Amino acid sequence: MINRIVVGAHYGLKDWIIQRVSAVVMAAYSLFMVIVLLVLCPTTFDAWRNVFSFGLVKFATFLFALSLFYHAWIGIRDLWMDYVKSVSIRLTLHALTVLALVGYAGWMAAILWRL
């Protein structure tokens, strides 16, 4: 029998739930976009631009991107924590990962709201 002392830590439950919720958001977005693309059938650049000119599609796409980035952060963070033993290298990798993901989120916002 495992005797675990409860000290207020959640032992990863919050991260596990966030990854599942973000996966559901990404799956719902994928289904939503399949339906949108089957209905609208964009074949030209202007048609694609029109698809993403709707506020709902922009919002859903941005929500998808944020879910993807947060999902990726939890997965990569756990990978760094499990396999990189050097604290300084792990901290550097964490910082580079956060910078990249925040940069990608900003880039996605700029692309979506530039259309």
N, C-alpha and C. Protein backbone atom coordinates (compact mmCIF):
# COMPACT_ATOMS: atom_id res chain seq x y z
N MET A 1 0.84 -1.17 0.00
CA MET A 1 0.00 0.00 0.00
C MET A 1 0.89 1.24 0.00
N ILE A 2 0.55 2.23 -0.79
CA ILE A 2 1.30 3.47 -0.87
C ILE A 2 0.73 4.45 0.14
N ASN A 3 1.60 4.96 0.99
CA ASN A 3 1.18 5.93 1.98
C ASN A 3 1.70 7.29 1.55
N ARG A 4 0.87 8.07 0.94
CA ARG A 4 1.26 9.37 0.41
C ARG A 4 0.83 10.46 1.38
N ILE A 5 1.78 11.33 1.71
CA ILE A 5 1.48 12.44 2.61
C ILE A 5 0.93 13.60 1.77
N VAL A 6 -0.26 14.03 2.10
CA VAL A 6 -0.91 15.11 1.36
C VAL A 6 -0.38 16.44 1.88
N VAL A 7 0.23 17.20 0.98
CA VAL A 7 0.82 18.49 1.37
C VAL A 7 0.22 19.64 0.56
N GLY A 8 -0.87 19.41 -0.11
CA GLY A 8 -1.49 20.46 -0.90
C GLY A 8 -1.17 20.38 -2.38
N ALA A 9 -0.24 19.51 -2.75
CA ALA A 9 0.10 19.36 -4.16
C ALA A 9 -1.01 18.56 -4.85
N HIS A 10 -1.17 18.80 -6.11
CA HIS A 10 -2.23 18.12 -6.86
C HIS A 10 -1.70 16.94 -7.66
N TYR A 11 -0.41 16.71 -7.64
CA TYR A 11 0.20 15.57 -8.30
C TYR A 11 -0.17 15.48 -9.77
N GLY A 12 -0.25 16.62 -10.43
CA GLY A 12 -0.45 16.64 -11.87
C GLY A 12 -1.90 16.59 -12.33
N LEU A 13 -2.85 16.53 -11.43
CA LEU A 13 -4.25 16.41 -11.84
C LEU A 13 -4.71 17.61 -12.65
N LYS A 14 -4.34 18.82 -12.22
CA LYS A 14 -4.75 20.03 -12.93
C LYS A 14 -4.20 20.03 -14.37
N ASP A 15 -2.94 19.68 -14.51
CA ASP A 15 -2.34 19.63 -15.85
C ASP A 15 -2.98 18.55 -16.71
N TRP A 16 -3.29 17.42 -16.09
CA TRP A 16 -3.94 16.34 -16.82
C TRP A 16 -5.31 16.79 -17.34
N ILE A 17 -6.07 17.47 -16.49
CA ILE A 17 -7.40 17.96 -16.89
C ILE A 17 -7.27 19.02 -17.99
N ILE A 18 -6.31 19.93 -17.84
CA ILE A 18 -6.12 20.98 -18.86
C ILE A 18 -5.75 20.36 -20.19
N GLN A 19 -4.90 19.33 -20.18
CA GLN A 19 -4.55 18.69 -21.45
C GLN A 19 -5.76 18.02 -22.08
N ARG A 20 -6.62 17.43 -21.28
CA ARG A 20 -7.81 16.77 -21.83
C ARG A 20 -8.79 17.80 -22.38
N VAL A 21 -8.99 18.90 -21.64
CA VAL A 21 -9.90 19.96 -22.10
C VAL A 21 -9.36 20.59 -23.39
N SER A 22 -8.06 20.87 -23.43
CA SER A 22 -7.49 21.47 -24.65
C SER A 22 -7.60 20.50 -25.83
N ALA A 23 -7.47 19.21 -25.57
CA ALA A 23 -7.63 18.22 -26.65
C ALA A 23 -9.07 18.21 -27.17
N VAL A 24 -10.04 18.35 -26.27
CA VAL A 24 -11.45 18.41 -26.68
C VAL A 24 -11.70 19.68 -27.51
N VAL A 25 -11.13 20.81 -27.08
CA VAL A 25 -11.28 22.06 -27.84
C VAL A 25 -10.70 21.89 -29.25
N MET A 26 -9.52 21.28 -29.35
CA MET A 26 -8.90 21.09 -30.67
C MET A 26 -9.71 20.12 -31.54
N ALA A 27 -10.26 19.09 -30.94
CA ALA A 27 -11.09 18.15 -31.71
C ALA A 27 -12.37 18.82 -32.19
N ALA A 28 -13.00 19.61 -31.32
CA ALA A 28 -14.23 20.32 -31.71
C ALA A 28 -13.94 21.31 -32.83
N TYR A 29 -12.83 22.03 -32.73
CA TYR A 29 -12.45 22.98 -33.78
C TYR A 29 -12.22 22.24 -35.10
N SER A 30 -11.55 21.11 -35.04
CA SER A 30 -11.28 20.34 -36.26
C SER A 30 -12.59 19.92 -36.93
N LEU A 31 -13.53 19.44 -36.13
CA LEU A 31 -14.84 19.06 -36.67
C LEU A 31 -15.57 20.28 -37.24
N PHE A 32 -15.53 21.40 -36.52
CA PHE A 32 -16.14 22.65 -36.97
C PHE A 32 -15.56 23.08 -38.32
N MET A 33 -14.23 23.03 -38.45
CA MET A 33 -13.60 23.48 -39.69
C MET A 33 -13.87 22.52 -40.84
N VAL A 34 -13.96 21.24 -40.56
CA VAL A 34 -14.32 20.29 -41.63
C VAL A 34 -15.71 20.63 -42.17
N ILE A 35 -16.64 20.90 -41.29
CA ILE A 35 -18.00 21.26 -41.72
C ILE A 35 -17.99 22.57 -42.50
N VAL A 36 -17.29 23.58 -41.97
CA VAL A 36 -17.21 24.88 -42.66
C VAL A 36 -16.61 24.72 -44.05
N LEU A 37 -15.52 23.95 -44.15
CA LEU A 37 -14.85 23.80 -45.43
C LEU A 37 -15.66 22.95 -46.41
N LEU A 38 -16.43 21.98 -45.91
CA LEU A 38 -17.29 21.21 -46.81
C LEU A 38 -18.45 22.05 -47.33
N VAL A 39 -18.95 22.94 -46.50
CA VAL A 39 -20.07 23.79 -46.91
C VAL A 39 -19.61 24.88 -47.87
N LEU A 40 -18.48 25.54 -47.54
CA LEU A 40 -18.05 26.69 -48.33
C LEU A 40 -17.12 26.32 -49.50
N CYS A 41 -16.43 25.21 -49.42
CA CYS A 41 -15.53 24.74 -50.48
C CYS A 41 -14.62 25.84 -51.04
N PRO A 42 -13.77 26.45 -50.22
CA PRO A 42 -12.90 27.50 -50.75
C PRO A 42 -11.81 26.91 -51.66
N THR A 43 -11.68 27.48 -52.86
CA THR A 43 -10.67 26.98 -53.80
C THR A 43 -9.67 28.06 -54.21
N THR A 44 -9.97 29.30 -53.92
CA THR A 44 -9.06 30.39 -54.27
C THR A 44 -8.60 31.09 -52.99
N PHE A 45 -7.58 31.91 -53.12
CA PHE A 45 -7.07 32.66 -51.98
C PHE A 45 -8.15 33.57 -51.41
N ASP A 46 -8.88 34.25 -52.27
CA ASP A 46 -9.95 35.13 -51.79
C ASP A 46 -11.04 34.36 -51.06
N ALA A 47 -11.35 33.16 -51.52
CA ALA A 47 -12.36 32.34 -50.84
C ALA A 47 -11.87 31.93 -49.45
N TRP A 48 -10.59 31.56 -49.35
CA TRP A 48 -10.02 31.22 -48.05
C TRP A 48 -10.02 32.43 -47.13
N ARG A 49 -9.68 33.59 -47.68
CA ARG A 49 -9.68 34.82 -46.88
C ARG A 49 -11.09 35.10 -46.37
N ASN A 50 -12.10 34.87 -47.21
CA ASN A 50 -13.49 35.09 -46.78
C ASN A 50 -13.89 34.15 -45.65
N VAL A 51 -13.41 32.90 -45.70
CA VAL A 51 -13.71 31.95 -44.63
C VAL A 51 -13.21 32.49 -43.30
N PHE A 52 -11.99 33.02 -43.30
CA PHE A 52 -11.39 33.49 -42.06
C PHE A 52 -11.71 34.95 -41.75
N SER A 53 -12.57 35.57 -42.54
CA SER A 53 -12.97 36.94 -42.25
C SER A 53 -14.12 37.00 -41.24
N PHE A 54 -14.80 35.88 -41.04
CA PHE A 54 -15.90 35.82 -40.07
C PHE A 54 -15.33 35.84 -38.65
N GLY A 55 -15.92 36.63 -37.79
CA GLY A 55 -15.45 36.75 -36.41
C GLY A 55 -15.46 35.43 -35.66
N LEU A 56 -16.49 34.61 -35.89
CA LEU A 56 -16.58 33.33 -35.20
C LEU A 56 -15.43 32.41 -35.59
N VAL A 57 -15.09 32.39 -36.87
CA VAL A 57 -13.99 31.54 -37.34
C VAL A 57 -12.66 32.05 -36.79
N LYS A 58 -12.48 33.36 -36.77
CA LYS A 58 -11.25 33.93 -36.20
C LYS A 58 -11.13 33.55 -34.72
N PHE A 59 -12.21 33.74 -33.98
CA PHE A 59 -12.19 33.43 -32.55
C PHE A 59 -11.93 31.94 -32.32
N ALA A 60 -12.62 31.09 -33.07
CA ALA A 60 -12.44 29.64 -32.91
C ALA A 60 -11.02 29.23 -33.26
N THR A 61 -10.46 29.83 -34.31
CA THR A 61 -9.09 29.52 -34.70
C THR A 61 -8.10 29.97 -33.64
N PHE A 62 -8.32 31.15 -33.08
CA PHE A 62 -7.43 31.63 -32.03
C PHE A 62 -7.55 30.77 -30.78
N LEU A 63 -8.77 30.37 -30.43
CA LEU A 63 -8.98 29.48 -29.28
C LEU A 63 -8.29 28.14 -29.52
N PHE A 64 -8.37 27.63 -30.75
CA PHE A 64 -7.67 26.40 -31.12
C PHE A 64 -6.16 26.57 -30.92
N ALA A 65 -5.63 27.69 -31.41
CA ALA A 65 -4.19 27.92 -31.31
C ALA A 65 -3.75 28.01 -29.84
N LEU A 66 -4.50 28.74 -29.03
CA LEU A 66 -4.14 28.84 -27.61
C LEU A 66 -4.21 27.47 -26.93
N SER A 67 -5.22 26.69 -27.27
CA SER A 67 -5.33 25.34 -26.72
C SER A 67 -4.15 24.48 -27.15
N LEU A 68 -3.78 24.60 -28.42
CA LEU A 68 -2.64 23.85 -28.94
C LEU A 68 -1.35 24.24 -28.22
N PHE A 69 -1.14 25.55 -28.05
CA PHE A 69 0.09 26.01 -27.42
C PHE A 69 0.14 25.59 -25.94
N TYR A 70 -0.98 25.68 -25.23
CA TYR A 70 -0.98 25.29 -23.82
C TYR A 70 -0.81 23.78 -23.68
N HIS A 71 -1.45 23.03 -24.57
CA HIS A 71 -1.32 21.58 -24.60
C HIS A 71 0.15 21.20 -24.85
N ALA A 72 0.76 21.90 -25.81
CA ALA A 72 2.16 21.64 -26.12
C ALA A 72 3.06 22.02 -24.94
N TRP A 73 2.75 23.13 -24.26
CA TRP A 73 3.57 23.54 -23.13
C TRP A 73 3.59 22.47 -22.04
N ILE A 74 2.43 21.92 -21.72
CA ILE A 74 2.37 20.91 -20.66
C ILE A 74 3.17 19.67 -21.08
N GLY A 75 3.00 19.25 -22.32
CA GLY A 75 3.72 18.07 -22.80
C GLY A 75 5.22 18.27 -22.85
N ILE A 76 5.66 19.38 -23.40
CA ILE A 76 7.10 19.64 -23.52
C ILE A 76 7.71 19.91 -22.14
N ARG A 77 6.99 20.63 -21.28
CA ARG A 77 7.49 20.87 -19.93
C ARG A 77 7.73 19.56 -19.19
N ASP A 78 6.77 18.64 -19.31
CA ASP A 78 6.95 17.34 -18.66
C ASP A 78 8.10 16.56 -19.27
N LEU A 79 8.27 16.68 -20.58
CA LEU A 79 9.39 16.02 -21.23
C LEU A 79 10.72 16.57 -20.71
N TRP A 80 10.85 17.89 -20.63
CA TRP A 80 12.08 18.49 -20.10
C TRP A 80 12.30 18.06 -18.65
N MET A 81 11.24 18.05 -17.85
CA MET A 81 11.38 17.68 -16.44
C MET A 81 11.77 16.21 -16.26
N ASP A 82 11.28 15.35 -17.13
CA ASP A 82 11.55 13.92 -17.00
C ASP A 82 12.93 13.52 -17.51
N TYR A 83 13.39 14.16 -18.59
CA TYR A 83 14.58 13.65 -19.27
C TYR A 83 15.81 14.56 -19.20
N VAL A 84 15.67 15.81 -18.81
CA VAL A 84 16.82 16.70 -18.71
C VAL A 84 17.15 16.85 -17.23
N LYS A 85 18.27 16.28 -16.83
CA LYS A 85 18.63 16.25 -15.40
C LYS A 85 19.31 17.54 -14.93
N SER A 86 20.04 18.21 -15.79
CA SER A 86 20.73 19.44 -15.41
C SER A 86 19.71 20.56 -15.23
N VAL A 87 19.70 21.17 -14.04
CA VAL A 87 18.73 22.21 -13.74
C VAL A 87 18.91 23.43 -14.64
N SER A 88 20.15 23.81 -14.90
CA SER A 88 20.38 25.00 -15.73
C SER A 88 19.94 24.78 -17.17
N ILE A 89 20.21 23.60 -17.71
CA ILE A 89 19.78 23.30 -19.08
C ILE A 89 18.26 23.22 -19.14
N ARG A 90 17.66 22.57 -18.12
CA ARG A 90 16.20 22.44 -18.08
C ARG A 90 15.54 23.81 -18.00
N LEU A 91 16.06 24.71 -17.16
CA LEU A 91 15.51 26.05 -17.04
C LEU A 91 15.64 26.81 -18.36
N THR A 92 16.78 26.66 -19.01
CA THR A 92 16.98 27.30 -20.31
C THR A 92 15.98 26.78 -21.35
N LEU A 93 15.79 25.46 -21.37
CA LEU A 93 14.83 24.87 -22.31
C LEU A 93 13.40 25.31 -22.00
N HIS A 94 13.07 25.40 -20.72
CA HIS A 94 11.74 25.90 -20.34
C HIS A 94 11.54 27.32 -20.83
N ALA A 95 12.52 28.17 -20.61
CA ALA A 95 12.41 29.57 -21.03
C ALA A 95 12.30 29.68 -22.55
N LEU A 96 13.11 28.92 -23.28
CA LEU A 96 13.05 28.97 -24.75
C LEU A 96 11.71 28.46 -25.26
N THR A 97 11.19 27.42 -24.62
CA THR A 97 9.88 26.88 -25.02
C THR A 97 8.77 27.90 -24.79
N VAL A 98 8.78 28.55 -23.62
CA VAL A 98 7.77 29.57 -23.32
C VAL A 98 7.87 30.73 -24.31
N LEU A 99 9.08 31.19 -24.56
CA LEU A 99 9.26 32.30 -25.51
C LEU A 99 8.75 31.93 -26.90
N ALA A 100 9.06 30.73 -27.34
CA ALA A 100 8.60 30.28 -28.66
C ALA A 100 7.07 30.21 -28.71
N LEU A 101 6.46 29.61 -27.70
CA LEU A 101 5.00 29.45 -27.71
C LEU A 101 4.27 30.79 -27.60
N VAL A 102 4.78 31.69 -26.79
CA VAL A 102 4.17 33.02 -26.68
C VAL A 102 4.35 33.77 -28.01
N GLY A 103 5.52 33.63 -28.61
CA GLY A 103 5.75 34.25 -29.92
C GLY A 103 4.81 33.70 -30.98
N TYR A 104 4.61 32.39 -30.97
CA TYR A 104 3.67 31.78 -31.93
C TYR A 104 2.25 32.29 -31.72
N ALA A 105 1.85 32.45 -30.45
CA ALA A 105 0.50 32.96 -30.17
C ALA A 105 0.34 34.38 -30.69
N GLY A 106 1.35 35.22 -30.47
CA GLY A 106 1.30 36.57 -31.00
C GLY A 106 1.28 36.60 -32.52
N TRP A 107 2.05 35.74 -33.12
CA TRP A 107 2.10 35.65 -34.58
C TRP A 107 0.74 35.21 -35.11
N MET A 108 0.12 34.24 -34.46
CA MET A 108 -1.20 33.77 -34.87
C MET A 108 -2.22 34.88 -34.77
N ALA A 109 -2.19 35.65 -33.70
CA ALA A 109 -3.13 36.77 -33.54
C ALA A 109 -2.91 37.81 -34.63
N ALA A 110 -1.66 38.11 -34.92
CA ALA A 110 -1.36 39.10 -35.98
C ALA A 110 -1.88 38.62 -37.33
N ILE A 111 -1.70 37.35 -37.62
CA ILE A 111 -2.17 36.80 -38.90
C ILE A 111 -3.69 36.85 -38.97
N LEU A 112 -4.36 36.39 -37.92
CA LEU A 112 -5.82 36.31 -37.95
C LEU A 112 -6.48 37.69 -38.05
N TRP A 113 -5.97 38.65 -37.32
CA TRP A 113 -6.64 39.95 -37.30
C TRP A 113 -6.08 40.91 -38.35
N ARG A 114 -5.13 40.44 -39.15
CA ARG A 114 -4.65 41.23 -40.29
C ARG A 114 -5.56 41.01 -41.49
N LEU A 115 -6.24 39.89 -41.52
CA LEU A 115 -7.08 39.56 -42.68
C LEU A 115 -8.23 40.53 -42.83
